[in-house]
Amino acid sequence: MKMTYLIIAIALVLIFFSLNSRAANVPKIGEIAPSFSLLDQAGQIRKLEDYSGKWIVLYFYPKDDTPGCTKEACSFRDDLKTLEKIGAQIIGISVDDSDSHSKFANKYHLPFPLLADQDGKVAESYGALNNLLVIKIAKRYTFLINPAGKIAKVYLSVDTSKHSQEIIDDLKKFNQ
């Protein structure tokens, strides 16, 4: 009985921290996007500055090869030509390592960079890190970064089945 209460108490504390950190440190619209330098699935270093002058769809996701993350990544893959026509570059980030990203990208033929943020520092700089003491996992947040490197839109509640189209619609509005 005592063990049950202890488990419930720990779960409530974790939920409390998770909910309280929901929008902590999330860059605001108009702010300069936090910089990064991370390895992609091919072992190449990618920096935010490499995409200067382009729209960037920077999406954080919890885990490679899980149902929601796969659906989101494949939707971006399927809509990539439309997104590129609008002038956008897709970049995914999770706390998985480059090897995991490589397997995920190869399995689903993902033609855009997946960056390995193993220590969670980049996710944390975007307010997109769930740090549950022994487990770190990225939140499903997306940031639309304009060609000047500023945050144009923040998505803190993502429906993976509609998100890619939502991005396309928003980019078309910005480009009018």
Protein backbone atom coordinates (compact mmCIF):
# COMPACT_ATOMS: atom_id res chain seq x y z
CA MET A 1 0.00 0.00 0.00
CA LYS A 2 2.82 2.40 0.90
CA MET A 3 4.55 1.57 -2.39
CA THR A 4 1.40 2.50 -4.33
CA TYR A 5 1.24 5.89 -2.62
CA LEU A 6 4.93 6.47 -3.32
CA ILE A 7 4.48 5.66 -7.02
CA ILE A 8 1.45 7.96 -7.23
CA ALA A 9 3.36 10.77 -5.49
CA ILE A 10 6.33 10.43 -7.85
CA ALA A 11 4.03 10.40 -10.88
CA LEU A 12 2.27 13.56 -9.66
CA VAL A 13 5.59 15.33 -9.12
CA LEU A 14 6.76 14.39 -12.63
CA ILE A 15 3.45 15.57 -14.14
CA PHE A 16 3.70 18.83 -12.18
CA PHE A 17 7.24 19.50 -13.45
CA SER A 18 6.24 18.58 -16.98
CA LEU A 19 3.23 20.91 -16.99
CA ASN A 20 5.11 23.76 -15.33
CA SER A 21 7.93 23.56 -17.84
CA ARG A 22 5.52 23.57 -20.82
CA ALA A 23 6.34 27.05 -22.08
CA ALA A 24 9.44 27.74 -19.99
CA ASN A 25 12.21 29.35 -22.01
CA VAL A 26 10.32 29.05 -25.31
CA PRO A 27 11.62 31.78 -27.63
CA LYS A 28 8.98 34.36 -28.44
CA ILE A 29 7.90 35.49 -31.87
CA GLY A 30 10.32 38.12 -33.13
CA GLU A 31 13.27 36.90 -31.05
CA ILE A 32 16.47 35.61 -32.64
CA ALA A 33 16.34 31.80 -32.83
CA PRO A 34 18.85 30.12 -30.50
CA SER A 35 21.90 28.94 -32.43
CA PHE A 36 22.96 25.32 -32.64
CA SER A 37 25.74 23.12 -34.00
CA LEU A 38 24.81 19.43 -34.03
CA LEU A 39 25.63 16.23 -35.94
CA ASP A 40 23.06 14.95 -38.41
CA GLN A 41 22.29 11.34 -39.33
CA ALA A 42 25.28 11.24 -41.71
CA GLY A 43 27.74 12.60 -39.14
CA GLN A 44 27.84 16.07 -40.75
CA ILE A 45 27.82 19.13 -38.49
CA ARG A 46 24.79 21.35 -39.11
CA LYS A 47 24.52 24.90 -37.80
CA LEU A 48 21.56 27.25 -37.77
CA GLU A 49 23.72 29.80 -39.60
CA ASP A 50 24.05 27.37 -42.54
CA TYR A 51 20.41 28.10 -43.39
CA SER A 52 20.61 31.89 -43.26
CA GLY A 53 18.28 33.52 -45.78
CA LYS A 54 15.83 30.57 -45.82
CA TRP A 55 12.68 29.70 -43.96
CA ILE A 56 13.40 26.91 -41.48
CA VAL A 57 10.91 24.45 -40.05
CA LEU A 58 12.76 23.36 -36.91
CA TYR A 59 10.83 20.55 -35.30
CA PHE A 60 11.63 18.77 -32.07
CA TYR A 61 10.32 15.25 -31.63
CA PRO A 62 10.50 12.70 -28.79
CA LYS A 63 11.92 9.49 -30.30
CA ASP A 64 13.01 7.95 -33.59
CA ASP A 65 10.80 5.27 -35.12
CA THR A 66 7.82 5.70 -32.80
CA PRO A 67 4.30 6.04 -34.26
CA GLY A 68 3.73 9.79 -33.81
CA CYS A 69 7.28 10.75 -34.72
CA THR A 70 7.18 8.54 -37.80
CA LYS A 71 3.86 10.03 -38.92
CA GLU A 72 5.19 13.58 -38.50
CA ALA A 73 8.50 12.88 -40.28
CA CYS A 74 6.82 11.05 -43.18
CA SER A 75 4.32 13.90 -43.61
CA PHE A 76 7.21 16.35 -43.91
CA ARG A 77 8.89 13.96 -46.36
CA ASP A 78 5.74 13.64 -48.46
CA ASP A 79 5.24 17.43 -48.52
CA LEU A 80 8.92 18.29 -49.00
CA LYS A 81 8.61 19.47 -52.62
CA THR A 82 5.81 21.86 -51.66
CA LEU A 83 7.76 23.09 -48.63
CA GLU A 84 10.91 23.62 -50.70
CA LYS A 85 8.91 25.45 -53.39
CA ILE A 86 7.79 27.87 -50.67
CA GLY A 87 11.46 28.24 -49.68
CA ALA A 88 11.50 26.19 -46.47
CA GLN A 89 14.09 23.77 -45.11
CA ILE A 90 13.00 21.00 -42.71
CA ILE A 91 15.23 20.12 -39.75
CA GLY A 92 14.32 17.57 -37.09
CA ILE A 93 15.93 17.38 -33.65
CA SER A 94 15.67 14.80 -30.88
CA VAL A 95 17.92 13.58 -28.10
CA ASP A 96 18.56 10.30 -29.97
CA ASP A 97 22.07 9.76 -31.34
CA SER A 98 23.20 10.03 -34.97
CA ASP A 99 23.15 6.26 -35.45
CA SER A 100 19.51 6.07 -34.38
CA HIS A 101 18.71 9.00 -36.69
CA SER A 102 20.49 7.25 -39.56
CA LYS A 103 18.44 4.07 -39.14
CA PHE A 104 15.22 6.09 -38.87
CA ALA A 105 16.03 8.23 -41.92
CA ASN A 106 17.03 5.20 -44.01
CA LYS A 107 14.00 3.15 -43.00
CA TYR A 108 11.55 5.92 -44.00
CA HIS A 109 13.63 7.61 -46.74
CA LEU A 110 13.75 10.94 -44.90
CA PRO A 111 15.66 13.40 -47.12
CA PHE A 112 16.18 16.15 -44.55
CA PRO A 113 18.58 16.51 -41.61
CA LEU A 114 17.81 14.85 -38.29
CA LEU A 115 20.07 16.35 -35.65
CA ALA A 116 21.36 14.57 -32.56
CA ASP A 117 20.95 16.68 -29.42
CA GLN A 118 22.11 13.97 -27.03
CA ASP A 119 22.69 16.26 -24.06
CA GLY A 120 19.41 18.12 -24.69
CA LYS A 121 21.02 21.57 -24.60
CA VAL A 122 19.51 22.75 -27.89
CA ALA A 123 16.06 21.43 -26.97
CA GLU A 124 16.42 23.18 -23.63
CA SER A 125 17.35 26.48 -25.33
CA TYR A 126 14.05 26.23 -27.23
CA GLY A 127 12.06 25.24 -24.13
CA ALA A 128 11.48 21.87 -25.81
CA LEU A 129 13.06 19.51 -23.28
CA ASN A 130 11.31 17.26 -20.80
CA ASN A 131 13.92 16.56 -18.17
CA LEU A 132 12.48 13.85 -15.96
CA LEU A 133 15.52 13.48 -13.71
CA VAL A 134 17.01 10.33 -15.29
CA ILE A 135 15.28 10.61 -18.67
CA LYS A 136 15.56 13.47 -21.15
CA ILE A 137 13.18 13.60 -24.07
CA ALA A 138 12.32 16.35 -26.54
CA LYS A 139 8.82 17.78 -26.53
CA ARG A 140 6.91 17.82 -29.81
CA TYR A 141 7.40 21.54 -30.54
CA THR A 142 8.00 23.23 -33.88
CA PHE A 143 9.53 26.62 -34.63
CA LEU A 144 9.12 28.45 -37.90
CA ILE A 145 12.23 30.60 -38.33
CA ASN A 146 12.22 33.37 -40.93
CA PRO A 147 15.08 34.12 -43.37
CA ALA A 148 16.44 36.74 -40.95
CA GLY A 149 16.88 34.06 -38.25
CA LYS A 150 13.96 35.21 -36.08
CA ILE A 151 11.14 33.13 -34.67
CA ALA A 152 8.07 33.70 -36.88
CA LYS A 153 5.73 31.14 -35.31
CA VAL A 154 5.77 28.65 -32.45
CA TYR A 155 3.74 25.43 -32.38
CA LEU A 156 3.44 23.98 -28.87
CA SER A 157 0.49 21.73 -29.63
CA VAL A 158 1.10 19.56 -32.68
CA ASP A 159 -1.30 17.17 -34.39
CA THR A 160 1.11 14.98 -36.37
CA SER A 161 -1.51 14.12 -38.98
CA LYS A 162 -2.12 17.79 -39.90
CA HIS A 163 1.09 19.55 -38.91
CA SER A 164 2.89 19.57 -42.25
CA GLN A 165 -0.14 21.09 -44.00
CA GLU A 166 -0.46 23.63 -41.17
CA ILE A 167 3.16 24.68 -41.79
CA ILE A 168 2.52 24.96 -45.55
CA ASP A 169 -0.55 27.13 -44.96
CA ASP A 170 1.33 29.40 -42.55
CA LEU A 171 4.32 29.75 -44.86
CA LYS A 172 2.04 30.74 -47.73
CA LYS A 173 0.55 33.47 -45.51
CA PHE A 174 4.00 34.74 -44.55
CA ASN A 175 5.12 34.80 -48.18
CA GLN A 176 2.15 36.81 -49.50
